[in-house]
Amino acid sequence: MSEPNLTLHTDKYQINMMYAHWKRGTQNERAVFEVYFRKLPFGNGYAVFAGLERLVGYLSKLSFGEEELRYLQTQEEGYDEAFFDELRSFKFNGSIDAVPEGTLVFPNVPLVRVEARVFEAQLIETALLNFVNYQTLIATKASRVKQVAPNELLLEFGTRRAQEADAAIWGARAAYIAGFHATSNLRAGMRFGIPTAGTHAHAWVQGHDSEEAAFRDYAEALPDHVTLLVDTYDTLKSGVPNAIRIAQELQQRGKRLKGIRLDSGDLAYLSKRAREMLDEAGFPDVKIVASNDLDENLIAELKAQGARIDSWGVGTQLITAFDQPALGGVYKLVAREHEGAMEPVIKISGNPEKISNPGVKEAYRIVNADNGMAEADYVTLPGDKDIAEGRPLRLIDPLHPHRIKRVDRYRAIPLLQPVYAKGKLVYGLPKLDDIRDEHVKQLALFWPEHLRKLNPEPYRVNYSPAVLELKAELIRKHLSE
């Protein structure tokens, strides 16, 4: 399925900055931007990077057609006609490095690095952040659900509450990366090859003279795929008993009832009583599916209460990231071309956490060579000799300088991988199931204390002395001006 042209999926000020650079004659100067976030969502110990495939699809079609140009000609700014000739020849010729999808990521570590003409780099900011912020957020939420239900079937049921069609399918994909097993969205299934799942609606039952007749007709229609929604009227007095009758009829025909679904009420109590009723009737293999505004907190509570639920259908709370609807990733200029050379730049703020880390940087995951566990993420300037030569690292916490950790034997795994090089795609997009498998391997690198849902131990993100010295130097320079 091809990507639509999203060239104008951008903020107007990006076009205005492109125009200003063009008027000034600086549109071809090189610039380097980095994407990162400052704070983990949901009070979590980690985030799960997603959105790269969407970015690649966007860049592959990035061009201004006549329809887009005609629209821009109507804008109040009154851009010069010659500017539109410049846009007609527009093509992304820059370089992009990014963290692979499914990777666990942490605050202030570069996730995407863009090096391009400033004319190109400005245009893609809005779309890039839109893709990465949303999909990373949903993948992280899905991973939290997976953490509390590692052995049950997880179904993404969020389409009808998603923020429009694209959010539904890309959110389903992000959830699948993080461990969900299926989606209710057929478009997502067709587009990405995600398994699909579904039962029937309350309307099916309401549209019959009796609940039993509704169940029987559904079983007649799909005898090999019967999961019955049992809470339209009274779950324990009619829903489950009627489902058992249908199960008995199916059994006589050599078929099996696959499951029942609970969508309201006290899910812990109802699932335990339903399990007893099904077992007593001789159907211990019939699964119990639960839905109804579930999230990781409610699922954990239900499991603590002994709920007998085999599969969780998670919808609104997941697809909208209900308790934190934005990640807050940013796109910051870290270096610019000046007099033919690249020079680092910094953004200074009254909020210390918003002061940017200047310069083109590399990021590594430091994995202890003795136990195979991740010790920290280490951000350096290119050509760092300590990393290149495998020298021992002194990891100094930037906010708590007294917290120092020495790592002698380690593997330094580069986090940023080449995706585009001078406008050419050089990255083979992995299959979705391979991304999903890689995410599982990623989780195994981290101690449980970093992954737990409540009060996780913060994972270290450290900067090389050269990064810290460059930052201090630029702060002194700008504050003395």
Protein backbone atom coordinates (compact mmCIF):
# COMPACT_ATOMS: atom_id res chain seq x y z
CA MET A 1 0.00 0.00 0.00
CA SER A 2 1.57 3.29 -1.10
CA GLU A 3 1.93 6.34 1.10
CA PRO A 4 -0.10 9.48 0.32
CA ASN A 5 1.76 12.69 -0.43
CA LEU A 6 2.15 14.36 2.96
CA THR A 7 4.39 17.23 1.87
CA LEU A 8 2.05 19.84 3.37
CA HIS A 9 1.67 17.81 6.54
CA THR A 10 3.70 20.54 8.20
CA ASP A 11 3.33 23.73 10.18
CA LYS A 12 3.11 26.96 8.23
CA TYR A 13 6.12 28.42 9.98
CA GLN A 14 8.30 25.75 8.34
CA ILE A 15 7.34 27.09 4.91
CA ASN A 16 7.93 30.65 6.14
CA MET A 17 11.42 29.72 7.37
CA MET A 18 12.17 27.99 4.06
CA TYR A 19 11.06 31.15 2.28
CA ALA A 20 13.17 33.36 4.54
CA HIS A 21 16.26 31.19 3.92
CA TRP A 22 15.57 31.33 0.18
CA LYS A 23 15.25 35.12 0.24
CA ARG A 24 18.46 35.36 2.26
CA GLY A 25 20.30 32.91 0.00
CA THR A 26 21.09 30.50 2.83
CA GLN A 27 18.76 27.69 1.81
CA ASN A 28 21.68 25.41 0.84
CA GLU A 29 23.59 25.73 4.11
CA ARG A 30 23.88 22.44 5.99
CA ALA A 31 22.24 21.91 9.36
CA VAL A 32 22.02 19.06 11.86
CA PHE A 33 18.94 18.48 13.98
CA GLU A 34 18.35 15.83 16.64
CA VAL A 35 15.08 14.35 17.88
CA TYR A 36 14.79 13.37 21.53
CA PHE A 37 12.38 13.61 24.44
CA ARG A 38 13.08 15.04 27.86
CA LYS A 39 10.73 13.08 30.09
CA LEU A 40 9.48 9.50 30.07
CA PRO A 41 5.71 9.03 29.64
CA PHE A 42 3.39 7.36 32.18
CA GLY A 43 6.00 7.54 34.95
CA ASN A 44 7.61 4.65 33.10
CA GLY A 45 11.20 3.48 33.26
CA TYR A 46 11.64 3.36 29.49
CA ALA A 47 9.99 4.14 26.15
CA VAL A 48 9.74 2.02 23.00
CA PHE A 49 10.85 3.73 19.80
CA ALA A 50 8.46 3.52 16.84
CA GLY A 51 7.57 5.56 13.77
CA LEU A 52 10.58 4.98 11.53
CA GLU A 53 8.75 3.08 8.79
CA ARG A 54 6.16 5.87 8.57
CA LEU A 55 8.99 8.41 8.27
CA VAL A 56 10.62 6.48 5.42
CA GLY A 57 7.31 6.29 3.57
CA TYR A 58 6.84 10.02 4.03
CA LEU A 59 10.29 10.91 2.73
CA SER A 60 9.89 8.66 -0.29
CA LYS A 61 7.05 10.88 -1.57
CA LEU A 62 8.30 14.24 -0.37
CA SER A 63 7.72 16.64 -3.25
CA PHE A 64 5.62 19.68 -4.11
CA GLY A 65 3.05 18.99 -6.80
CA GLU A 66 1.04 21.63 -8.60
CA GLU A 67 -1.90 21.16 -6.23
CA GLU A 68 0.29 21.94 -3.22
CA LEU A 69 1.87 24.91 -4.98
CA ARG A 70 -1.50 26.37 -5.96
CA TYR A 71 -2.57 26.22 -2.34
CA LEU A 72 0.60 27.94 -1.14
CA GLN A 73 0.02 30.66 -3.72
CA THR A 74 -3.22 31.55 -1.93
CA GLN A 75 -1.51 32.27 1.39
CA GLU A 76 -1.48 35.79 2.80
CA GLU A 77 2.33 35.94 2.86
CA GLY A 78 2.37 36.47 -0.91
CA TYR A 79 5.47 34.39 -1.60
CA ASP A 80 7.50 35.36 -4.69
CA GLU A 81 6.66 33.32 -7.77
CA ALA A 82 10.31 32.30 -8.13
CA PHE A 83 10.05 30.56 -4.73
CA PHE A 84 7.57 28.10 -6.22
CA ASP A 85 10.10 27.18 -8.92
CA GLU A 86 12.49 26.31 -6.10
CA LEU A 87 9.81 24.13 -4.50
CA ARG A 88 9.05 22.39 -7.81
CA SER A 89 12.57 20.97 -7.84
CA PHE A 90 12.52 20.08 -4.13
CA LYS A 91 13.86 16.66 -3.16
CA PHE A 92 15.17 15.35 0.12
CA ASN A 93 18.91 14.87 -0.38
CA GLY A 94 19.90 14.74 3.27
CA SER A 95 21.12 12.02 5.61
CA ILE A 96 19.17 10.49 8.46
CA ASP A 97 20.33 8.19 11.23
CA ALA A 98 17.80 6.67 13.60
CA VAL A 99 17.33 4.16 16.37
CA PRO A 100 15.73 0.92 15.07
CA GLU A 101 12.05 0.49 15.89
CA GLY A 102 11.34 -1.58 18.97
CA THR A 103 14.45 -0.29 20.76
CA LEU A 104 14.07 0.76 24.39
CA VAL A 105 14.93 4.46 24.58
CA PHE A 106 15.49 7.02 27.30
CA PRO A 107 15.36 10.80 27.86
CA ASN A 108 17.81 13.10 26.11
CA VAL A 109 19.29 10.36 23.93
CA PRO A 110 19.16 11.19 20.20
CA LEU A 111 16.51 9.05 18.50
CA VAL A 112 16.78 10.54 15.01
CA ARG A 113 19.54 12.72 13.56
CA VAL A 114 18.90 14.74 10.41
CA GLU A 115 21.76 16.29 8.43
CA ALA A 116 20.60 18.16 5.36
CA ARG A 117 20.27 21.54 3.69
CA VAL A 118 18.43 23.73 6.16
CA PHE A 119 15.77 24.09 3.42
CA GLU A 120 15.04 20.36 3.69
CA ALA A 121 15.63 19.89 7.40
CA GLN A 122 13.11 22.58 8.35
CA LEU A 123 10.33 21.12 6.21
CA ILE A 124 10.37 17.62 7.71
CA GLU A 125 10.35 18.64 11.38
CA THR A 126 6.60 18.64 11.95
CA ALA A 127 5.83 15.35 10.23
CA LEU A 128 8.80 13.58 11.78
CA LEU A 129 7.78 14.60 15.30
CA ASN A 130 4.15 13.71 14.60
CA PHE A 131 5.07 10.16 13.54
CA VAL A 132 7.66 9.47 16.22
CA ASN A 133 5.86 11.10 19.15
CA TYR A 134 2.59 9.27 18.56
CA GLN A 135 3.88 5.83 17.68
CA THR A 136 6.54 5.82 20.41
CA LEU A 137 3.87 6.79 22.92
CA ILE A 138 1.51 3.97 21.89
CA ALA A 139 4.28 1.38 21.73
CA THR A 140 5.33 2.39 25.24
CA LYS A 141 1.77 2.13 26.56
CA ALA A 142 1.38 -1.27 24.91
CA SER A 143 4.64 -2.45 26.44
CA ARG A 144 3.34 -1.47 29.89
CA VAL A 145 0.26 -3.62 29.30
CA LYS A 146 2.46 -6.48 28.12
CA GLN A 147 4.55 -6.21 31.28
CA VAL A 148 1.53 -6.91 33.52
CA ALA A 149 0.03 -9.59 31.23
CA PRO A 150 3.06 -11.39 29.80
CA ASN A 151 1.34 -14.75 29.30
CA GLU A 152 -2.16 -13.79 28.14
CA LEU A 153 -3.43 -12.97 24.67
CA LEU A 154 -3.51 -9.20 24.08
CA LEU A 155 -5.94 -7.71 21.55
CA GLU A 156 -5.87 -4.10 20.32
CA PHE A 157 -9.50 -2.90 20.16
CA GLY A 158 -9.07 0.88 19.91
CA THR A 159 -10.07 1.93 16.39
CA ARG A 160 -13.42 3.53 17.17
CA ARG A 161 -11.84 5.75 19.83
CA ALA A 162 -8.62 6.59 17.99
CA GLN A 163 -7.90 10.11 16.79
CA GLU A 164 -8.94 9.31 13.21
CA ALA A 165 -8.06 6.62 10.68
CA ASP A 166 -4.27 6.87 10.44
CA ALA A 167 -3.90 6.93 14.22
CA ALA A 168 -5.90 3.70 14.39
CA ILE A 169 -3.74 1.70 12.01
CA TRP A 170 -0.34 3.06 13.03
CA GLY A 171 -1.34 2.74 16.67
CA ALA A 172 -2.25 -0.91 16.04
CA ARG A 173 1.17 -1.43 14.48
CA ALA A 174 2.93 0.22 17.43
CA ALA A 175 1.01 -2.00 19.84
CA TYR A 176 1.99 -5.10 17.87
CA ILE A 177 5.67 -4.11 18.03
CA ALA A 178 5.44 -4.01 21.83
CA GLY A 179 3.84 -7.44 22.19
CA PHE A 180 0.12 -7.31 21.38
CA HIS A 181 -1.00 -10.35 19.44
CA ALA A 182 -3.82 -9.08 17.22
CA THR A 183 -5.92 -6.07 16.26
CA SER A 184 -9.60 -5.62 15.51
CA ASN A 185 -8.73 -3.27 12.63
CA LEU A 186 -8.84 -5.06 9.28
CA ARG A 187 -7.06 -2.23 7.46
CA ALA A 188 -4.14 -2.56 9.87
CA GLY A 189 -4.22 -6.32 9.36
CA MET A 190 -4.10 -5.96 5.57
CA ARG A 191 -1.52 -3.16 5.59
CA PHE A 192 0.95 -4.64 8.06
CA GLY A 193 0.15 -8.35 8.24
CA ILE A 194 -0.99 -8.13 11.87
CA PRO A 195 -3.31 -10.98 12.93
CA THR A 196 -6.91 -9.81 13.36
CA ALA A 197 -9.52 -10.79 15.93
CA GLY A 198 -13.15 -9.99 16.64
CA THR A 199 -16.37 -11.36 18.14
CA HIS A 200 -19.84 -9.84 17.71
CA ALA A 201 -21.63 -6.75 19.01
CA HIS A 202 -24.37 -6.30 21.57
CA ALA A 203 -26.53 -5.24 18.62
CA TRP A 204 -26.44 -8.81 17.33
CA VAL A 205 -28.07 -10.03 20.52
CA GLN A 206 -30.49 -7.11 20.71
CA GLY A 207 -31.55 -7.80 17.14
CA HIS A 208 -32.89 -11.24 18.07
CA ASP A 209 -35.96 -12.33 20.02
CA SER A 210 -33.74 -14.03 22.58
CA GLU A 211 -30.11 -14.19 23.58
CA GLU A 212 -30.03 -17.93 23.01
CA ALA A 213 -31.34 -17.51 19.45
CA ALA A 214 -28.71 -14.86 18.78
CA PHE A 215 -25.95 -17.14 19.98
CA ARG A 216 -27.27 -20.05 17.95
CA ASP A 217 -27.51 -18.02 14.74
CA TYR A 218 -23.99 -16.72 15.23
CA ALA A 219 -22.69 -20.25 15.75
CA GLU A 220 -24.49 -21.32 12.59
CA ALA A 221 -22.80 -18.55 10.64
CA LEU A 222 -19.25 -19.08 11.97
CA PRO A 223 -19.15 -22.54 13.56
CA ASP A 224 -15.34 -22.68 13.72
CA HIS A 225 -14.89 -19.21 15.21
CA VAL A 226 -17.47 -18.80 17.95
CA THR A 227 -16.76 -16.37 20.77
CA LEU A 228 -19.94 -15.13 22.42
CA LEU A 229 -20.52 -11.77 24.11
CA VAL A 230 -22.38 -12.75 27.28
CA ASP A 231 -23.18 -9.48 29.09
CA THR A 232 -26.01 -7.96 27.00
CA TYR A 233 -28.62 -8.80 29.65
CA ASP A 234 -27.37 -10.77 32.68
CA THR A 235 -23.95 -12.36 32.46
CA LEU A 236 -24.35 -15.17 34.99
CA LYS A 237 -28.11 -15.81 34.82
CA SER A 238 -28.49 -15.88 31.05
CA GLY A 239 -25.29 -15.05 29.15
CA VAL A 240 -23.00 -17.82 30.37
CA PRO A 241 -25.80 -20.48 30.60
CA ASN A 242 -26.85 -19.71 27.03
CA ALA A 243 -23.24 -19.88 25.86
CA ILE A 244 -22.91 -23.28 27.54
CA ARG A 245 -26.00 -24.53 25.68
CA ILE A 246 -24.49 -23.42 22.39
CA ALA A 247 -21.20 -25.06 23.37
CA GLN A 248 -23.06 -28.34 23.94
CA GLU A 249 -24.76 -28.08 20.55
CA LEU A 250 -21.45 -27.34 18.85
CA GLN A 251 -19.87 -30.30 20.60
CA GLN A 252 -22.52 -32.60 19.22
CA ARG A 253 -21.50 -31.42 15.73
CA GLY A 254 -17.82 -31.96 16.42
CA LYS A 255 -17.18 -28.24 16.93
CA ARG A 256 -15.92 -26.25 19.92
CA LEU A 257 -16.93 -22.94 21.48
CA LYS A 258 -13.74 -20.86 21.41
CA GLY A 259 -14.60 -18.35 24.10
CA ILE A 260 -16.90 -15.96 25.86
CA ARG A 261 -16.39 -12.23 26.21
CA LEU A 262 -17.08 -10.05 29.25
CA ASP A 263 -17.49 -6.35 28.50
CA SER A 264 -18.99 -4.90 31.69
CA GLY A 265 -19.50 -5.42 35.40
CA ASP A 266 -17.08 -6.74 38.00
CA LEU A 267 -14.68 -8.52 35.71
CA ALA A 268 -12.82 -10.26 38.53
CA TYR A 269 -15.96 -11.76 40.09
CA LEU A 270 -17.70 -12.51 36.80
CA SER A 271 -14.66 -14.19 35.27
CA LYS A 272 -14.21 -16.44 38.30
CA ARG A 273 -17.85 -17.47 38.36
CA ALA A 274 -17.95 -17.94 34.59
CA ARG A 275 -14.83 -20.11 34.78
CA GLU A 276 -16.48 -22.30 37.41
CA MET A 277 -19.65 -22.64 35.33
CA LEU A 278 -17.75 -23.52 32.16
CA ASP A 279 -15.55 -26.05 33.96
CA GLU A 280 -18.51 -27.68 35.67
CA ALA A 281 -20.23 -28.00 32.28
CA GLY A 282 -17.19 -29.76 30.85
CA PHE A 283 -15.68 -26.87 28.89
CA PRO A 284 -12.37 -26.03 30.60
CA ASP A 285 -10.86 -25.14 27.23
CA VAL A 286 -13.30 -22.28 26.53
CA LYS A 287 -11.37 -19.04 26.92
CA ILE A 288 -12.57 -15.92 28.72
CA VAL A 289 -11.95 -12.60 26.95
CA ALA A 290 -12.36 -9.32 28.85
CA SER A 291 -12.71 -5.76 27.59
CA ASN A 292 -14.18 -2.49 28.98
CA ASP A 293 -11.75 0.45 29.29
CA LEU A 294 -8.84 -1.72 30.36
CA ASP A 295 -5.31 -0.48 30.89
CA GLU A 296 -2.19 -1.80 32.59
CA ASN A 297 -3.31 -0.60 36.02
CA LEU A 298 -6.75 -2.19 35.89
CA ILE A 299 -5.38 -5.42 34.43
CA ALA A 300 -2.79 -5.65 37.20
CA GLU A 301 -5.51 -5.06 39.81
CA LEU A 302 -7.82 -7.67 38.26
CA LYS A 303 -5.03 -10.22 38.22
CA ALA A 304 -4.24 -9.45 41.85
CA GLN A 305 -7.89 -10.24 42.62
CA GLY A 306 -7.57 -13.65 40.97
CA ALA A 307 -9.51 -12.85 37.78
CA ARG A 308 -9.75 -15.87 35.46
CA ILE A 309 -9.18 -14.04 32.20
CA ASP A 310 -7.27 -15.55 29.28
CA SER A 311 -7.32 -12.63 26.87
CA TRP A 312 -7.51 -8.87 27.27
CA GLY A 313 -9.09 -6.54 24.72
CA VAL A 314 -7.54 -3.10 25.27
CA GLY A 315 -9.00 -0.16 23.38
CA THR A 316 -9.47 3.48 24.34
CA GLN A 317 -6.85 3.61 27.08
CA LEU A 318 -4.22 2.24 24.71
CA ILE A 319 -4.89 3.86 21.34
CA THR A 320 -5.31 7.34 22.85
CA ALA A 321 -2.60 6.90 25.51
CA PHE A 322 -5.40 8.09 27.76
CA ASP A 323 -3.39 9.04 30.85
CA GLN A 324 -0.69 10.91 28.89
CA PRO A 325 -1.78 11.85 25.37
CA ALA A 326 1.55 13.30 24.15
CA LEU A 327 5.20 12.26 24.36
CA GLY A 328 6.79 15.69 24.02
CA GLY A 329 9.63 14.79 21.68
CA VAL A 330 11.52 17.78 20.28
CA TYR A 331 13.58 18.57 17.17
CA LYS A 332 16.54 20.76 17.99
CA LEU A 333 19.28 22.31 15.90
CA VAL A 334 22.66 21.08 17.22
CA ALA A 335 25.02 22.23 14.48
CA ARG A 336 24.98 24.59 11.48
CA GLU A 337 27.20 25.41 8.57
CA HIS A 338 29.13 28.62 9.11
CA GLU A 339 31.78 29.89 6.73
CA GLY A 340 32.05 26.45 5.15
CA ALA A 341 32.44 24.49 8.39
CA MET A 342 29.96 22.88 10.78
CA GLU A 343 29.81 24.58 14.17
CA PRO A 344 27.88 23.41 17.24
CA VAL A 345 24.97 25.49 18.51
CA ILE A 346 23.04 25.49 21.77
CA LYS A 347 19.61 26.54 23.01
CA ILE A 348 19.71 28.11 26.47
CA SER A 349 16.62 28.24 28.65
CA GLY A 350 15.52 29.42 32.08
CA ASN A 351 14.53 25.79 32.65
CA PRO A 352 17.78 23.80 33.02
CA GLU A 353 16.23 20.65 31.56
CA LYS A 354 15.50 22.56 28.34
CA ILE A 355 19.11 23.56 27.68
CA SER A 356 20.09 21.54 24.62
CA ASN A 357 23.21 19.43 24.23
CA PRO A 358 25.19 21.00 21.37
CA GLY A 359 27.08 19.36 18.56
CA VAL A 360 26.64 16.32 16.34
CA LYS A 361 26.59 13.34 18.68
CA GLU A 362 26.68 9.55 18.73
CA ALA A 363 24.81 7.41 21.23
CA TYR A 364 25.82 3.98 22.51
CA ARG A 365 24.25 1.37 24.73
CA ILE A 366 26.89 0.24 27.17
CA VAL A 367 26.41 -3.48 27.85
CA ASN A 368 28.42 -5.14 30.60
CA ALA A 369 30.64 -7.79 29.01
CA ASP A 370 30.48 -10.00 32.11
CA ASN A 371 26.72 -10.25 32.67
CA GLY A 372 25.28 -9.04 29.35
CA MET A 373 23.11 -6.36 30.97
CA ALA A 374 22.79 -2.73 29.92
CA GLU A 375 24.65 -0.37 32.24
CA ALA A 376 23.86 3.00 30.65
CA ASP A 377 23.38 4.93 27.44
CA TYR A 378 26.45 6.98 26.64
CA VAL A 379 26.28 10.08 24.44
CA THR A 380 29.54 11.23 22.85
CA LEU A 381 30.95 13.44 20.15
CA PRO A 382 32.04 11.55 17.00
CA GLY A 383 35.41 9.79 17.22
CA ASP A 384 35.36 9.34 21.00
CA LYS A 385 38.65 7.57 21.82
CA ASP A 386 37.39 5.94 24.99
CA ILE A 387 34.66 4.14 23.04
CA ALA A 388 36.86 3.44 20.00
CA GLU A 389 39.58 1.86 22.13
CA GLY A 390 37.30 0.23 24.70
CA ARG A 391 38.80 2.16 27.59
CA PRO A 392 37.12 2.00 31.03
CA LEU A 393 34.29 4.51 31.38
CA ARG A 394 33.48 6.69 34.36
CA LEU A 395 29.74 7.26 34.18
CA ILE A 396 28.91 10.47 36.03
CA ASP A 397 25.26 11.27 36.61
CA PRO A 398 24.79 14.82 35.18
CA LEU A 399 22.16 15.71 37.80
CA HIS A 400 23.86 13.93 40.72
CA PRO A 401 27.63 14.25 40.18
CA HIS A 402 28.34 12.16 43.28
CA ARG A 403 26.82 9.13 41.52
CA ILE A 404 29.77 7.70 39.62
CA LYS A 405 29.94 4.24 38.12
CA ARG A 406 33.00 2.67 36.48
CA VAL A 407 32.59 0.13 33.71
CA ASP A 408 35.75 -1.70 32.66
CA ARG A 409 34.62 -4.46 30.31
CA TYR A 410 31.74 -3.62 27.98
CA ARG A 411 30.27 -3.66 24.50
CA ALA A 412 29.34 -0.25 23.10
CA ILE A 413 26.35 -0.82 20.78
CA PRO A 414 25.68 2.11 18.42
CA LEU A 415 22.07 3.20 18.73
CA LEU A 416 21.84 5.41 15.64
CA GLN A 417 21.82 3.48 12.36
CA PRO A 418 22.09 5.00 8.86
CA VAL A 419 18.68 5.27 7.19
CA TYR A 420 19.24 7.85 4.43
CA ALA A 421 22.63 8.85 3.04
CA LYS A 422 22.63 11.92 0.78
CA GLY A 423 19.02 11.32 -0.19
CA LYS A 424 19.36 7.57 -0.82
CA LEU A 425 17.58 5.00 1.35
CA VAL A 426 20.34 2.76 2.73
CA TYR A 427 18.32 1.00 5.42
CA GLY A 428 16.47 -2.23 4.76
CA LEU A 429 13.18 -1.84 6.61
CA PRO A 430 12.81 -4.99 8.74
CA LYS A 431 9.68 -7.12 8.73
CA LEU A 432 7.22 -6.27 11.47
CA ASP A 433 7.64 -9.62 13.21
CA ASP A 434 11.42 -9.11 13.22
CA ILE A 435 10.93 -5.72 14.92
CA ARG A 436 8.68 -7.40 17.47
CA ASP A 437 11.30 -10.09 18.13
CA GLU A 438 14.02 -7.49 18.48
CA HIS A 439 11.92 -5.68 21.07
CA VAL A 440 11.83 -8.86 23.16
CA LYS A 441 15.62 -9.12 22.93
CA GLN A 442 15.89 -5.48 23.96
CA LEU A 443 13.87 -6.09 27.10
CA ALA A 444 16.22 -8.92 28.08
CA LEU A 445 19.13 -6.44 28.25
CA PHE A 446 17.60 -4.60 31.21
CA TRP A 447 17.27 -5.46 34.86
CA PRO A 448 13.66 -5.88 36.07
CA GLU A 449 14.12 -2.88 38.34
CA HIS A 450 14.35 -0.62 35.28
CA LEU A 451 11.26 -2.17 33.67
CA ARG A 452 8.79 -2.39 36.52
CA LYS A 453 5.51 -0.51 36.25
CA LEU A 454 5.66 1.36 39.55
CA ASN A 455 8.63 3.41 40.73
CA PRO A 456 11.19 2.00 38.31
CA GLU A 457 14.85 2.50 39.05
CA PRO A 458 16.07 5.25 36.68
CA TYR A 459 18.32 3.97 33.91
CA ARG A 460 21.53 5.92 33.46
CA VAL A 461 22.02 8.29 30.55
CA ASN A 462 25.53 9.68 30.63
CA TYR A 463 27.51 12.15 28.53
CA SER A 464 31.17 11.98 27.66
CA PRO A 465 33.47 14.65 29.14
CA ALA A 466 33.79 16.18 25.68
CA VAL A 467 30.00 16.69 25.40
CA LEU A 468 29.83 18.25 28.84
CA GLU A 469 32.81 20.51 28.15
CA LEU A 470 31.33 21.69 24.85
CA LYS A 471 28.02 22.47 26.53
CA ALA A 472 29.70 24.43 29.33
CA GLU A 473 31.83 26.34 26.81
CA LEU A 474 28.83 27.44 24.74
CA ILE A 475 26.84 28.43 27.82
CA ARG A 476 29.74 30.62 28.98
CA LYS A 477 30.07 32.11 25.50
CA HIS A 478 26.43 33.11 25.17
CA LEU A 479 25.97 34.33 28.73
CA SER A 480 29.00 36.61 28.43
CA GLU A 481 27.72 38.27 25.26
